[in-house]
């Protein structure tokens, strides 16, 4: 499982770097998506390291197993994990919000809160 852990963790770091680049480009909806992806992949890496076979995209479901909460407590944004579930679909599809414009939901302050090291 070591390779799976490393692969998922490396992919999480790559997605977080993408979020930081997108923040500087003003693509706030995509920052939220890539922050969600980075968190999901980090959680899955932890689960693989613990010989679990994670499935799905809901972070709330993935962390529902209390056996690994200690590892998950060390993740950035651990307090916001349930919030990230809405960022898996909404930033990518214009019709995922009632007014048909997911871009209007995502603001610079929200995006910055997902990438605090890249504040302007």
PDB file of N, CA and C in Angstrom:
ATOM      1  N   UNK A   1       0.816  -1.207   0.000  1.00  0.00           N
ATOM      2  CA  UNK A   1       0.000   0.000   0.000  1.00  0.00           C
ATOM      3  C   UNK A   1       0.858   1.269   0.000  1.00  0.00           C
ATOM      4  N   UNK A   2       2.171   1.131   0.233  1.00  0.00           N
ATOM      5  CA  UNK A   2       3.030   2.301   0.287  1.00  0.00           C
ATOM      6  C   UNK A   2       3.011   3.122  -0.976  1.00  0.00           C
ATOM      7  N   UNK A   3       3.021   2.439  -2.142  1.00  0.00           N
ATOM      8  CA  UNK A   3       2.983   3.162  -3.413  1.00  0.00           C
ATOM      9  C   UNK A   3       1.673   3.921  -3.568  1.00  0.00           C
ATOM     10  N   UNK A   4       0.575   3.285  -3.191  1.00  0.00           N
ATOM     11  CA  UNK A   4      -0.715   3.970  -3.292  1.00  0.00           C
ATOM     12  C   UNK A   4      -0.722   5.213  -2.402  1.00  0.00           C
ATOM     13  N   UNK A   5      -0.228   5.088  -1.189  1.00  0.00           N
ATOM     14  CA  UNK A   5      -0.168   6.234  -0.284  1.00  0.00           C
ATOM     15  C   UNK A   5       0.627   7.364  -0.926  1.00  0.00           C
ATOM     16  N   UNK A   6       1.814   7.058  -1.399  1.00  0.00           N
ATOM     17  CA  UNK A   6       2.679   8.077  -2.004  1.00  0.00           C
ATOM     18  C   UNK A   6       2.041   8.685  -3.250  1.00  0.00           C
ATOM     19  N   UNK A   7       1.453   7.846  -4.100  1.00  0.00           N
ATOM     20  CA  UNK A   7       0.825   8.353  -5.322  1.00  0.00           C
ATOM     21  C   UNK A   7      -0.327   9.301  -5.011  1.00  0.00           C
ATOM     22  N   UNK A   8      -1.194   8.905  -4.069  1.00  0.00           N
ATOM     23  CA  UNK A   8      -2.337   9.761  -3.720  1.00  0.00           C
ATOM     24  C   UNK A   8      -1.863  11.039  -3.031  1.00  0.00           C
ATOM     25  N   UNK A   9      -0.843  10.930  -2.179  1.00  0.00           N
ATOM     26  CA  UNK A   9      -0.341  12.123  -1.493  1.00  0.00           C
ATOM     27  C   UNK A   9       0.330  13.069  -2.481  1.00  0.00           C
ATOM     28  N   UNK A  10       1.096  12.537  -3.412  1.00  0.00           N
ATOM     29  CA  UNK A  10       1.727  13.386  -4.434  1.00  0.00           C
ATOM     30  C   UNK A  10       0.675  14.077  -5.294  1.00  0.00           C
ATOM     31  N   UNK A  11      -0.366  13.352  -5.632  1.00  0.00           N
ATOM     32  CA  UNK A  11      -1.444  13.943  -6.427  1.00  0.00           C
ATOM     33  C   UNK A  11      -2.159  15.042  -5.629  1.00  0.00           C
ATOM     34  N   UNK A  12      -2.315  14.838  -4.330  1.00  0.00           N
ATOM     35  CA  UNK A  12      -2.927  15.864  -3.467  1.00  0.00           C
ATOM     36  C   UNK A  12      -2.082  17.134  -3.479  1.00  0.00           C
ATOM     37  N   UNK A  13      -0.774  16.980  -3.370  1.00  0.00           N
ATOM     38  CA  UNK A  13       0.117  18.152  -3.402  1.00  0.00           C
ATOM     39  C   UNK A  13       0.040  18.860  -4.758  1.00  0.00           C
ATOM     40  N   UNK A  14      -0.040  18.095  -5.821  1.00  0.00           N
ATOM     41  CA  UNK A  14      -0.150  18.680  -7.154  1.00  0.00           C
ATOM     42  C   UNK A  14      -1.442  19.484  -7.297  1.00  0.00           C
ATOM     43  N   UNK A  15      -2.553  18.931  -6.792  1.00  0.00           N
ATOM     44  CA  UNK A  15      -3.831  19.653  -6.863  1.00  0.00           C
ATOM     45  C   UNK A  15      -3.806  20.917  -6.020  1.00  0.00           C
ATOM     46  N   UNK A  16      -3.144  20.864  -4.880  1.00  0.00           N
ATOM     47  CA  UNK A  16      -3.041  22.064  -4.049  1.00  0.00           C
ATOM     48  C   UNK A  16      -2.211  23.136  -4.755  1.00  0.00           C
ATOM     49  N   UNK A  17      -1.157  22.728  -5.411  1.00  0.00           N
ATOM     50  CA  UNK A  17      -0.362  23.688  -6.194  1.00  0.00           C
ATOM     51  C   UNK A  17      -1.186  24.286  -7.324  1.00  0.00           C
ATOM     52  N   UNK A  18      -2.020  23.466  -7.964  1.00  0.00           N
ATOM     53  CA  UNK A  18      -2.901  23.979  -9.024  1.00  0.00           C
ATOM     54  C   UNK A  18      -3.859  25.013  -8.451  1.00  0.00           C
ATOM     55  N   UNK A  19      -4.404  24.750  -7.269  1.00  0.00           N
ATOM     56  CA  UNK A  19      -5.318  25.699  -6.621  1.00  0.00           C
ATOM     57  C   UNK A  19      -4.618  27.036  -6.388  1.00  0.00           C
ATOM     58  N   UNK A  20      -3.375  26.982  -5.958  1.00  0.00           N
ATOM     59  CA  UNK A  20      -2.622  28.221  -5.705  1.00  0.00           C
ATOM     60  C   UNK A  20      -2.401  29.008  -6.993  1.00  0.00           C
ATOM     61  N   UNK A  21      -2.086  28.310  -8.067  1.00  0.00           N
ATOM     62  CA  UNK A  21      -1.905  28.995  -9.360  1.00  0.00           C
ATOM     63  C   UNK A  21      -3.217  29.598  -9.850  1.00  0.00           C
ATOM     64  N   UNK A  22      -4.295  28.865  -9.687  1.00  0.00           N
ATOM     65  CA  UNK A  22      -5.606  29.348 -10.118  1.00  0.00           C
ATOM     66  C   UNK A  22      -6.054  30.550  -9.294  1.00  0.00           C
ATOM     67  N   UNK A  23      -5.660  30.603  -8.039  1.00  0.00           N
ATOM     68  CA  UNK A  23      -5.983  31.759  -7.200  1.00  0.00           C
ATOM     69  C   UNK A  23      -5.349  33.017  -7.779  1.00  0.00           C
ATOM     70  N   UNK A  24      -4.098  32.909  -8.177  1.00  0.00           N
ATOM     71  CA  UNK A  24      -3.419  34.089  -8.726  1.00  0.00           C
ATOM     72  C   UNK A  24      -4.004  34.500 -10.077  1.00  0.00           C
ATOM     73  N   UNK A  25      -4.717  33.594 -10.734  1.00  0.00           N
ATOM     74  CA  UNK A  25      -5.348  33.884 -12.021  1.00  0.00           C
ATOM     75  C   UNK A  25      -6.817  34.304 -11.875  1.00  0.00           C
ATOM     76  N   UNK A  26      -7.312  34.342 -10.624  1.00  0.00           N
ATOM     77  CA  UNK A  26      -8.691  34.771 -10.398  1.00  0.00           C
ATOM     78  C   UNK A  26      -9.747  33.722 -10.717  1.00  0.00           C
ATOM     79  N   UNK A  27      -9.354  32.484 -10.843  1.00  0.00           N
ATOM     80  CA  UNK A  27     -10.293  31.393 -11.145  1.00  0.00           C
ATOM     81  C   UNK A  27     -10.793  30.775  -9.833  1.00  0.00           C
ATOM     82  N   UNK A  28     -11.576  31.553  -9.095  1.00  0.00           N
ATOM     83  CA  UNK A  28     -11.931  31.194  -7.726  1.00  0.00           C
ATOM     84  C   UNK A  28     -12.752  29.917  -7.631  1.00  0.00           C
ATOM     85  N   UNK A  29     -13.613  29.675  -8.606  1.00  0.00           N
ATOM     86  CA  UNK A  29     -14.408  28.438  -8.582  1.00  0.00           C
ATOM     87  C   UNK A  29     -13.505  27.212  -8.722  1.00  0.00           C
ATOM     88  N   UNK A  30     -12.469  27.330  -9.529  1.00  0.00           N
ATOM     89  CA  UNK A  30     -11.557  26.210  -9.708  1.00  0.00           C
ATOM     90  C   UNK A  30     -10.620  26.035  -8.515  1.00  0.00           C
ATOM     91  N   UNK A  31     -10.339  27.116  -7.817  1.00  0.00           N
ATOM     92  CA  UNK A  31      -9.572  26.994  -6.571  1.00  0.00           C
ATOM     93  C   UNK A  31     -10.325  26.092  -5.601  1.00  0.00           C
ATOM     94  N   UNK A  32     -11.626  26.327  -5.475  1.00  0.00           N
ATOM     95  CA  UNK A  32     -12.438  25.512  -4.574  1.00  0.00           C
ATOM     96  C   UNK A  32     -12.435  24.054  -5.015  1.00  0.00           C
ATOM     97  N   UNK A  33     -12.575  23.818  -6.311  1.00  0.00           N
ATOM     98  CA  UNK A  33     -12.576  22.446  -6.811  1.00  0.00           C
ATOM     99  C   UNK A  33     -11.250  21.758  -6.526  1.00  0.00           C
ATOM    100  N   UNK A  34     -10.140  22.410  -6.850  1.00  0.00           N
ATOM    101  CA  UNK A  34      -8.844  21.766  -6.644  1.00  0.00           C
ATOM    102  C   UNK A  34      -8.487  21.642  -5.165  1.00  0.00           C
ATOM    103  N   UNK A  35      -8.957  22.552  -4.335  1.00  0.00           N
ATOM    104  CA  UNK A  35      -8.769  22.407  -2.885  1.00  0.00           C
ATOM    105  C   UNK A  35      -9.541  21.184  -2.390  1.00  0.00           C
ATOM    106  N   UNK A  36     -10.753  20.987  -2.925  1.00  0.00           N
ATOM    107  CA  UNK A  36     -11.530  19.794  -2.568  1.00  0.00           C
ATOM    108  C   UNK A  36     -10.789  18.544  -3.014  1.00  0.00           C
ATOM    109  N   UNK A  37     -10.292  18.565  -4.247  1.00  0.00           N
ATOM    110  CA  UNK A  37      -9.585  17.405  -4.767  1.00  0.00           C
ATOM    111  C   UNK A  37      -8.334  17.102  -3.937  1.00  0.00           C
ATOM    112  N   UNK A  38      -7.589  18.126  -3.577  1.00  0.00           N
ATOM    113  CA  UNK A  38      -6.384  17.930  -2.764  1.00  0.00           C
ATOM    114  C   UNK A  38      -6.736  17.302  -1.421  1.00  0.00           C
ATOM    115  N   UNK A  39      -7.805  17.784  -0.815  1.00  0.00           N
ATOM    116  CA  UNK A  39      -8.218  17.246   0.482  1.00  0.00           C
ATOM    117  C   UNK A  39      -8.705  15.808   0.334  1.00  0.00           C
ATOM    118  N   UNK A  40      -9.511  15.563  -0.683  1.00  0.00           N
ATOM    119  CA  UNK A  40     -10.006  14.193  -0.923  1.00  0.00           C
ATOM    120  C   UNK A  40      -8.841  13.225  -1.119  1.00  0.00           C
ATOM    121  N   UNK A  41      -7.872  13.619  -1.913  1.00  0.00           N
ATOM    122  CA  UNK A  41      -6.745  12.735  -2.192  1.00  0.00           C
ATOM    123  C   UNK A  41      -5.862  12.534  -0.964  1.00  0.00           C
ATOM    124  N   UNK A  42      -5.722  13.553  -0.142  1.00  0.00           N
ATOM    125  CA  UNK A  42      -4.961  13.396   1.102  1.00  0.00           C
ATOM    126  C   UNK A  42      -5.673  12.430   2.050  1.00  0.00           C
ATOM    127  N   UNK A  43      -6.993  12.563   2.149  1.00  0.00           N
ATOM    128  CA  UNK A  43      -7.765  11.643   2.990  1.00  0.00           C
ATOM    129  C   UNK A  43      -7.635  10.216   2.456  1.00  0.00           C
ATOM    130  N   UNK A  44      -7.745  10.050   1.144  1.00  0.00           N
ATOM    131  CA  UNK A  44      -7.613   8.713   0.567  1.00  0.00           C
ATOM    132  C   UNK A  44      -6.205   8.157   0.790  1.00  0.00           C
ATOM    133  N   UNK A  45      -5.195   8.999   0.722  1.00  0.00           N
ATOM    134  CA  UNK A  45      -3.827   8.546   1.007  1.00  0.00           C
ATOM    135  C   UNK A  45      -3.740   7.994   2.429  1.00  0.00           C
ATOM    136  N   UNK A  46      -4.318   8.711   3.376  1.00  0.00           N
ATOM    137  CA  UNK A  46      -4.326   8.250   4.769  1.00  0.00           C
ATOM    138  C   UNK A  46      -5.036   6.905   4.875  1.00  0.00           C
ATOM    139  N   UNK A  47      -6.173   6.792   4.201  1.00  0.00           N
ATOM    140  CA  UNK A  47      -6.920   5.539   4.265  1.00  0.00           C
ATOM    141  C   UNK A  47      -6.132   4.393   3.620  1.00  0.00           C
ATOM    142  N   UNK A  48      -5.486   4.643   2.489  1.00  0.00           N
ATOM    143  CA  UNK A  48      -4.660   3.601   1.875  1.00  0.00           C
ATOM    144  C   UNK A  48      -3.513   3.205   2.800  1.00  0.00           C
ATOM    145  N   UNK A  49      -2.911   4.191   3.444  1.00  0.00           N
ATOM    146  CA  UNK A  49      -1.815   3.885   4.373  1.00  0.00           C
ATOM    147  C   UNK A  49      -2.283   2.973   5.504  1.00  0.00           C
ATOM    148  N   UNK A  50      -3.563   3.079   5.833  1.00  0.00           N
ATOM    149  CA  UNK A  50      -4.138   2.267   6.901  1.00  0.00           C
ATOM    150  C   UNK A  50      -4.868   1.029   6.366  1.00  0.00           C
ATOM    151  N   UNK A  51      -4.469   0.611   5.147  1.00  0.00           N
ATOM    152  CA  UNK A  51      -5.004  -0.606   4.526  1.00  0.00           C
ATOM    153  C   UNK A  51      -6.501  -0.587   4.300  1.00  0.00           C
ATOM    154  N   UNK A  52      -7.049   0.582   4.075  1.00  0.00           N
ATOM    155  CA  UNK A  52      -8.456   0.721   3.705  1.00  0.00           C
ATOM    156  C   UNK A  52      -8.537   0.840   2.182  1.00  0.00           C
ATOM    157  N   UNK A  53      -9.717   0.653   1.647  1.00  0.00           N
ATOM    158  CA  UNK A  53      -9.965   0.818   0.212  1.00  0.00           C
ATOM    159  C   UNK A  53     -11.032   1.886   0.031  1.00  0.00           C
ATOM    160  N   UNK A  54     -10.619   3.162   0.022  1.00  0.00           N
ATOM    161  CA  UNK A  54     -11.605   4.241  -0.057  1.00  0.00           C
ATOM    162  C   UNK A  54     -12.342   4.240  -1.380  1.00  0.00           C
ATOM    163  N   UNK A  55     -13.603   4.620  -1.315  1.00  0.00           N
ATOM    164  CA  UNK A  55     -14.434   4.716  -2.510  1.00  0.00           C
ATOM    165  C   UNK A  55     -15.323   5.940  -2.387  1.00  0.00           C
ATOM    166  N   UNK A  56     -15.518   6.636  -3.473  1.00  0.00           N
ATOM    167  CA  UNK A  56     -16.415   7.780  -3.503  1.00  0.00           C
ATOM    168  C   UNK A  56     -15.677   9.094  -3.361  1.00  0.00           C
ATOM    169  N   UNK A  57     -16.459  10.158  -3.374  1.00  0.00           N
ATOM    170  CA  UNK A  57     -15.885  11.505  -3.332  1.00  0.00           C
ATOM    171  C   UNK A  57     -16.322  12.307  -2.113  1.00  0.00           C
ATOM    172  N   UNK A  58     -17.290  11.824  -1.391  1.00  0.00           N
ATOM    173  CA  UNK A  58     -17.776  12.562  -0.227  1.00  0.00           C
ATOM    174  C   UNK A  58     -16.767  12.464   0.911  1.00  0.00           C
ATOM    175  N   UNK A  59     -16.185  13.603   1.242  1.00  0.00           N
ATOM    176  CA  UNK A  59     -15.223  13.618   2.337  1.00  0.00           C
ATOM    177  C   UNK A  59     -15.881  13.255   3.662  1.00  0.00           C
ATOM    178  N   UNK A  60     -17.112  13.688   3.843  1.00  0.00           N
ATOM    179  CA  UNK A  60     -17.829  13.350   5.082  1.00  0.00           C
ATOM    180  C   UNK A  60     -17.948  11.837   5.219  1.00  0.00           C
ATOM    181  N   UNK A  61     -18.248  11.168   4.115  1.00  0.00           N
ATOM    182  CA  UNK A  61     -18.336   9.705   4.148  1.00  0.00           C
ATOM    183  C   UNK A  61     -16.960   9.073   4.346  1.00  0.00           C
ATOM    184  N   UNK A  62     -15.963   9.591   3.668  1.00  0.00           N
ATOM    185  CA  UNK A  62     -14.626   9.011   3.768  1.00  0.00           C
ATOM    186  C   UNK A  62     -14.059   9.096   5.180  1.00  0.00           C
ATOM    187  N   UNK A  63     -14.371  10.169   5.893  1.00  0.00           N
ATOM    188  CA  UNK A  63     -13.823  10.310   7.252  1.00  0.00           C
ATOM    189  C   UNK A  63     -14.759   9.768   8.321  1.00  0.00           C
ATOM    190  N   UNK A  64     -15.835   9.134   7.922  1.00  0.00           N
ATOM    191  CA  UNK A  64     -16.798   8.657   8.919  1.00  0.00           C
ATOM    192  C   UNK A  64     -16.225   7.529   9.775  1.00  0.00           C
ATOM    193  N   UNK A  65     -15.152   6.911   9.330  1.00  0.00           N
ATOM    194  CA  UNK A  65     -14.497   5.879  10.122  1.00  0.00           C
ATOM    195  C   UNK A  65     -13.609   6.559  11.166  1.00  0.00           C
ATOM    196  N   UNK A  66     -13.999   6.495  12.411  1.00  0.00           N
ATOM    197  CA  UNK A  66     -13.289   7.193  13.486  1.00  0.00           C
ATOM    198  C   UNK A  66     -11.903   6.635  13.765  1.00  0.00           C
ATOM    199  N   UNK A  67     -11.569   5.466  13.220  1.00  0.00           N
ATOM    200  CA  UNK A  67     -10.265   4.861  13.491  1.00  0.00           C
ATOM    201  C   UNK A  67      -9.114   5.736  13.011  1.00  0.00           C
ATOM    202  N   UNK A  68      -9.357   6.576  12.015  1.00  0.00           N
ATOM    203  CA  UNK A  68      -8.274   7.344  11.417  1.00  0.00           C
ATOM    204  C   UNK A  68      -8.393   8.842  11.667  1.00  0.00           C
ATOM    205  N   UNK A  69      -9.263   9.216  12.589  1.00  0.00           N
ATOM    206  CA  UNK A  69      -9.466  10.640  12.837  1.00  0.00           C
ATOM    207  C   UNK A  69      -8.204  11.335  13.326  1.00  0.00           C
ATOM    208  N   UNK A  70      -7.352  10.637  14.055  1.00  0.00           N
ATOM    209  CA  UNK A  70      -6.109  11.261  14.529  1.00  0.00           C
ATOM    210  C   UNK A  70      -5.249  11.707  13.347  1.00  0.00           C
ATOM    211  N   UNK A  71      -5.121  10.850  12.337  1.00  0.00           N
ATOM    212  CA  UNK A  71      -4.355  11.219  11.139  1.00  0.00           C
ATOM    213  C   UNK A  71      -5.020  12.375  10.404  1.00  0.00           C
ATOM    214  N   UNK A  72      -6.327  12.344  10.327  1.00  0.00           N
ATOM    215  CA  UNK A  72      -7.072  13.364   9.586  1.00  0.00           C
ATOM    216  C   UNK A  72      -7.025  14.707  10.303  1.00  0.00           C
ATOM    217  N   UNK A  73      -6.877  14.694  11.618  1.00  0.00           N
ATOM    218  CA  UNK A  73      -6.794  15.943  12.371  1.00  0.00           C
ATOM    219  C   UNK A  73      -5.600  16.788  11.947  1.00  0.00           C
ATOM    220  N   UNK A  74      -4.596  16.176  11.358  1.00  0.00           N
ATOM    221  CA  UNK A  74      -3.400  16.906  10.924  1.00  0.00           C
ATOM    222  C   UNK A  74      -3.550  17.533   9.539  1.00  0.00           C
ATOM    223  N   UNK A  75      -4.667  17.284   8.878  1.00  0.00           N
ATOM    224  CA  UNK A  75      -4.872  17.856   7.542  1.00  0.00           C
ATOM    225  C   UNK A  75      -5.213  19.339   7.623  1.00  0.00           C
ATOM    226  N   UNK A  76      -4.719  20.116   6.655  1.00  0.00           N
ATOM    227  CA  UNK A  76      -5.186  21.502   6.585  1.00  0.00           C
ATOM    228  C   UNK A  76      -6.684  21.501   6.288  1.00  0.00           C
ATOM    229  N   UNK A  77      -7.396  22.435   6.787  1.00  0.00           N
ATOM    230  CA  UNK A  77      -8.839  22.575   6.544  1.00  0.00           C
ATOM    231  C   UNK A  77      -9.664  21.443   7.150  1.00  0.00           C
ATOM    232  N   UNK A  78      -9.142  20.742   8.137  1.00  0.00           N
ATOM    233  CA  UNK A  78      -9.890  19.615   8.690  1.00  0.00           C
ATOM    234  C   UNK A  78     -11.259  20.043   9.210  1.00  0.00           C
ATOM    235  N   UNK A  79     -11.370  21.271   9.686  1.00  0.00           N
ATOM    236  CA  UNK A  79     -12.648  21.767  10.201  1.00  0.00           C
ATOM    237  C   UNK A  79     -13.651  22.024   9.072  1.00  0.00           C
ATOM    238  N   UNK A  80     -13.160  22.126   7.862  1.00  0.00           N
ATOM    239  CA  UNK A  80     -14.024  22.473   6.727  1.00  0.00           C
ATOM    240  C   UNK A  80     -14.314  21.284   5.816  1.00  0.00           C
ATOM    241  N   UNK A  81     -13.929  20.097   6.236  1.00  0.00           N
ATOM    242  CA  UNK A  81     -14.097  18.919   5.383  1.00  0.00           C
ATOM    243  C   UNK A  81     -15.531  18.759   4.900  1.00  0.00           C
ATOM    244  N   UNK A  82     -16.555  18.873   5.749  1.00  0.00           N
ATOM    245  CA  UNK A  82     -17.920  18.737   5.219  1.00  0.00           C
ATOM    246  C   UNK A  82     -18.267  19.797   4.161  1.00  0.00           C
ATOM    247  N   UNK A  83     -17.706  20.981   4.305  1.00  0.00           N
ATOM    248  CA  UNK A  83     -17.936  22.060   3.337  1.00  0.00           C
ATOM    249  C   UNK A  83     -17.389  21.703   1.958  1.00  0.00           C
ATOM    250  N   UNK A  84     -16.293  20.969   1.940  1.00  0.00           N
ATOM    251  CA  UNK A  84     -15.661  20.634   0.667  1.00  0.00           C
ATOM    252  C   UNK A  84     -16.530  19.738  -0.207  1.00  0.00           C
ATOM    253  N   UNK A  85     -17.458  19.003   0.383  1.00  0.00           N
ATOM    254  CA  UNK A  85     -18.299  18.124  -0.428  1.00  0.00           C
ATOM    255  C   UNK A  85     -19.060  18.885  -1.506  1.00  0.00           C
ATOM    256  N   UNK A  86     -19.449  20.112  -1.230  1.00  0.00           N
ATOM    257  CA  UNK A  86     -20.201  20.860  -2.243  1.00  0.00           C
ATOM    258  C   UNK A  86     -19.300  21.367  -3.371  1.00  0.00           C
ATOM    259  N   UNK A  87     -17.999  21.333  -3.165  1.00  0.00           N
ATOM    260  CA  UNK A  87     -17.078  21.836  -4.185  1.00  0.00           C
ATOM    261  C   UNK A  87     -16.649  20.767  -5.176  1.00  0.00           C
ATOM    262  N   UNK A  88     -17.168  19.576  -5.057  1.00  0.00           N
ATOM    263  CA  UNK A  88     -16.811  18.532  -6.012  1.00  0.00           C
ATOM    264  C   UNK A  88     -17.560  18.730  -7.336  1.00  0.00           C
ATOM    265  N   UNK A  89     -18.797  19.206  -7.264  1.00  0.00           N
ATOM    266  CA  UNK A  89     -19.613  19.351  -8.475  1.00  0.00           C
ATOM    267  C   UNK A  89     -19.870  20.812  -8.829  1.00  0.00           C
ATOM    268  N   UNK A  90     -20.255  21.609  -7.855  1.00  0.00           N
ATOM    269  CA  UNK A  90     -20.731  22.967  -8.125  1.00  0.00           C
ATOM    270  C   UNK A  90     -19.756  23.836  -8.928  1.00  0.00           C
ATOM    271  N   UNK A  91     -18.467  23.842  -8.669  1.00  0.00           N
ATOM    272  CA  UNK A  91     -17.584  24.716  -9.456  1.00  0.00           C
ATOM    273  C   UNK A  91     -17.436  24.306 -10.915  1.00  0.00           C
ATOM    274  N   UNK A  92     -17.735  23.058 -11.216  1.00  0.00           N
ATOM    275  CA  UNK A  92     -17.483  22.554 -12.564  1.00  0.00           C
ATOM    276  C   UNK A  92     -18.670  22.665 -13.500  1.00  0.00           C
ATOM    277  N   UNK A  93     -19.876  22.770 -12.959  1.00  0.00           N
ATOM    278  CA  UNK A  93     -21.065  22.743 -13.805  1.00  0.00           C
ATOM    279  C   UNK A  93     -21.920  23.993 -13.594  1.00  0.00           C
ATOM    280  N   UNK A  94     -22.147  24.776 -14.628  1.00  0.00           N
ATOM    281  CA  UNK A  94     -22.927  26.005 -14.488  1.00  0.00           C
ATOM    282  C   UNK A  94     -24.334  25.770 -13.967  1.00  0.00           C
ATOM    283  N   UNK A  95     -24.926  24.626 -14.268  1.00  0.00           N
ATOM    284  CA  UNK A  95     -26.296  24.389 -13.811  1.00  0.00           C
ATOM    285  C   UNK A  95     -26.373  23.738 -12.426  1.00  0.00           C
ATOM    286  N   UNK A  96     -25.263  23.708 -11.714  1.00  0.00           N
ATOM    287  CA  UNK A  96     -25.256  23.123 -10.374  1.00  0.00           C
ATOM    288  C   UNK A  96     -25.772  24.094  -9.309  1.00  0.00           C
ATOM    289  N   UNK A  97     -25.996  25.336  -9.698  1.00  0.00           N
ATOM    290  CA  UNK A  97     -26.561  26.330  -8.778  1.00  0.00           C
ATOM    291  C   UNK A  97     -27.851  26.871  -9.394  1.00  0.00           C
ATOM    292  N   UNK A  98     -28.776  27.318  -8.562  1.00  0.00           N
ATOM    293  CA  UNK A  98     -30.093  27.734  -9.070  1.00  0.00           C
ATOM    294  C   UNK A  98     -30.060  28.804 -10.159  1.00  0.00           C
ATOM    295  N   UNK A  99     -29.156  29.774 -10.050  1.00  0.00           N
ATOM    296  CA  UNK A  99     -29.149  30.842 -11.056  1.00  0.00           C
ATOM    297  C   UNK A  99     -28.345  30.481 -12.307  1.00  0.00           C
ATOM    298  N   UNK A 100     -27.781  29.280 -12.329  1.00  0.00           N
ATOM    299  CA  UNK A 100     -27.038  28.827 -13.493  1.00  0.00           C
ATOM    300  C   UNK A 100     -25.664  29.437 -13.640  1.00  0.00           C
ATOM    301  N   UNK A 101     -25.146  30.061 -12.586  1.00  0.00           N
ATOM    302  CA  UNK A 101     -23.844  30.692 -12.677  1.00  0.00           C
ATOM    303  C   UNK A 101     -23.009  30.355 -11.441  1.00  0.00           C
ATOM    304  N   UNK A 102     -22.310  29.248 -11.514  1.00  0.00           N
ATOM    305  CA  UNK A 102     -21.487  28.858 -10.369  1.00  0.00           C
ATOM    306  C   UNK A 102     -20.341  29.836 -10.130  1.00  0.00           C
ATOM    307  N   UNK A 103     -19.952  30.582 -11.154  1.00  0.00           N
ATOM    308  CA  UNK A 103     -18.864  31.556 -10.986  1.00  0.00           C
ATOM    309  C   UNK A 103     -19.219  32.626  -9.960  1.00  0.00           C
ATOM    310  N   UNK A 104     -20.506  32.984  -9.874  1.00  0.00           N
ATOM    311  CA  UNK A 104     -20.915  34.051  -8.952  1.00  0.00           C
ATOM    312  C   UNK A 104     -20.870  33.615  -7.491  1.00  0.00           C
ATOM    313  N   UNK A 105     -20.818  32.322  -7.251  1.00  0.00           N
ATOM    314  CA  UNK A 105     -20.809  31.803  -5.876  1.00  0.00           C
ATOM    315  C   UNK A 105     -19.425  31.919  -5.253  1.00  0.00           C
ATOM    316  N   UNK A 106     -18.399  31.856  -6.075  1.00  0.00           N
ATOM    317  CA  UNK A 106     -17.028  31.792  -5.575  1.00  0.00           C
ATOM    318  C   UNK A 106     -16.373  33.166  -5.623  1.00  0.00           C
ATOM    319  N   UNK A 107     -15.872  33.576  -4.488  1.00  0.00           N
ATOM    320  CA  UNK A 107     -15.280  34.906  -4.345  1.00  0.00           C
ATOM    321  C   UNK A 107     -13.798  34.784  -4.009  1.00  0.00           C
ATOM    322  N   UNK A 108     -13.098  35.874  -4.163  1.00  0.00           N
ATOM    323  CA  UNK A 108     -11.680  35.889  -3.833  1.00  0.00           C
ATOM    324  C   UNK A 108     -11.436  35.556  -2.357  1.00  0.00           C
ATOM    325  N   UNK A 109     -12.192  36.154  -1.408  1.00  0.00           N
ATOM    326  CA  UNK A 109     -11.941  35.791  -0.006  1.00  0.00           C
ATOM    327  C   UNK A 109     -12.148  34.294   0.281  1.00  0.00           C
ATOM    328  N   UNK A 110     -13.159  33.692  -0.332  1.00  0.00           N
ATOM    329  CA  UNK A 110     -13.366  32.258  -0.140  1.00  0.00           C
ATOM    330  C   UNK A 110     -12.177  31.479  -0.707  1.00  0.00           C
ATOM    331  N   UNK A 111     -11.782  31.811  -1.920  1.00  0.00           N
ATOM    332  CA  UNK A 111     -10.651  31.125  -2.546  1.00  0.00           C
ATOM    333  C   UNK A 111      -9.376  31.309  -1.729  1.00  0.00           C
ATOM    334  N   UNK A 112      -9.142  32.514  -1.235  1.00  0.00           N
ATOM    335  CA  UNK A 112      -7.956  32.764  -0.413  1.00  0.00           C
ATOM    336  C   UNK A 112      -7.977  31.935   0.866  1.00  0.00           C
ATOM    337  N   UNK A 113      -9.162  31.696   1.388  1.00  0.00           N
ATOM    338  CA  UNK A 113      -9.239  30.898   2.625  1.00  0.00           C
ATOM    339  C   UNK A 113      -8.831  29.459   2.385  1.00  0.00           C
ATOM    340  N   UNK A 114      -8.854  29.002   1.137  1.00  0.00           N
ATOM    341  CA  UNK A 114      -8.420  27.657   0.804  1.00  0.00           C
ATOM    342  C   UNK A 114      -6.930  27.609   0.481  1.00  0.00           C
ATOM    343  N   UNK A 115      -6.325  28.753   0.198  1.00  0.00           N
ATOM    344  CA  UNK A 115      -4.897  28.837  -0.132  1.00  0.00           C
ATOM    345  C   UNK A 115      -4.273  30.004   0.624  1.00  0.00           C
ATOM    346  N   UNK A 116      -4.248  29.960   1.937  1.00  0.00           N
ATOM    347  CA  UNK A 116      -3.810  31.126   2.709  1.00  0.00           C
ATOM    348  C   UNK A 116      -2.386  31.581   2.430  1.00  0.00           C
ATOM    349  N   UNK A 117      -1.532  30.693   1.957  1.00  0.00           N
ATOM    350  CA  UNK A 117      -0.137  31.104   1.720  1.00  0.00           C
ATOM    351  C   UNK A 117       0.020  31.963   0.487  1.00  0.00           C
ATOM    352  N   UNK A 118      -1.055  32.076  -0.324  1.00  0.00           N
ATOM    353  CA  UNK A 118      -0.958  32.848  -1.571  1.00  0.00           C
ATOM    354  C   UNK A 118      -1.767  34.134  -1.524  1.00  0.00           C
ATOM    355  N   UNK A 119      -2.021  34.678  -0.356  1.00  0.00           N
ATOM    356  CA  UNK A 119      -2.781  35.932  -0.278  1.00  0.00           C
ATOM    357  C   UNK A 119      -2.027  37.027  -1.001  1.00  0.00           C
ATOM    358  N   UNK A 120      -2.811  37.919  -1.597  1.00  0.00           N
ATOM    359  CA  UNK A 120      -2.184  39.039  -2.336  1.00  0.00           C
ATOM    360  C   UNK A 120      -1.868  40.179  -1.414  1.00  0.00           C
TER     361      UNK A 120
END
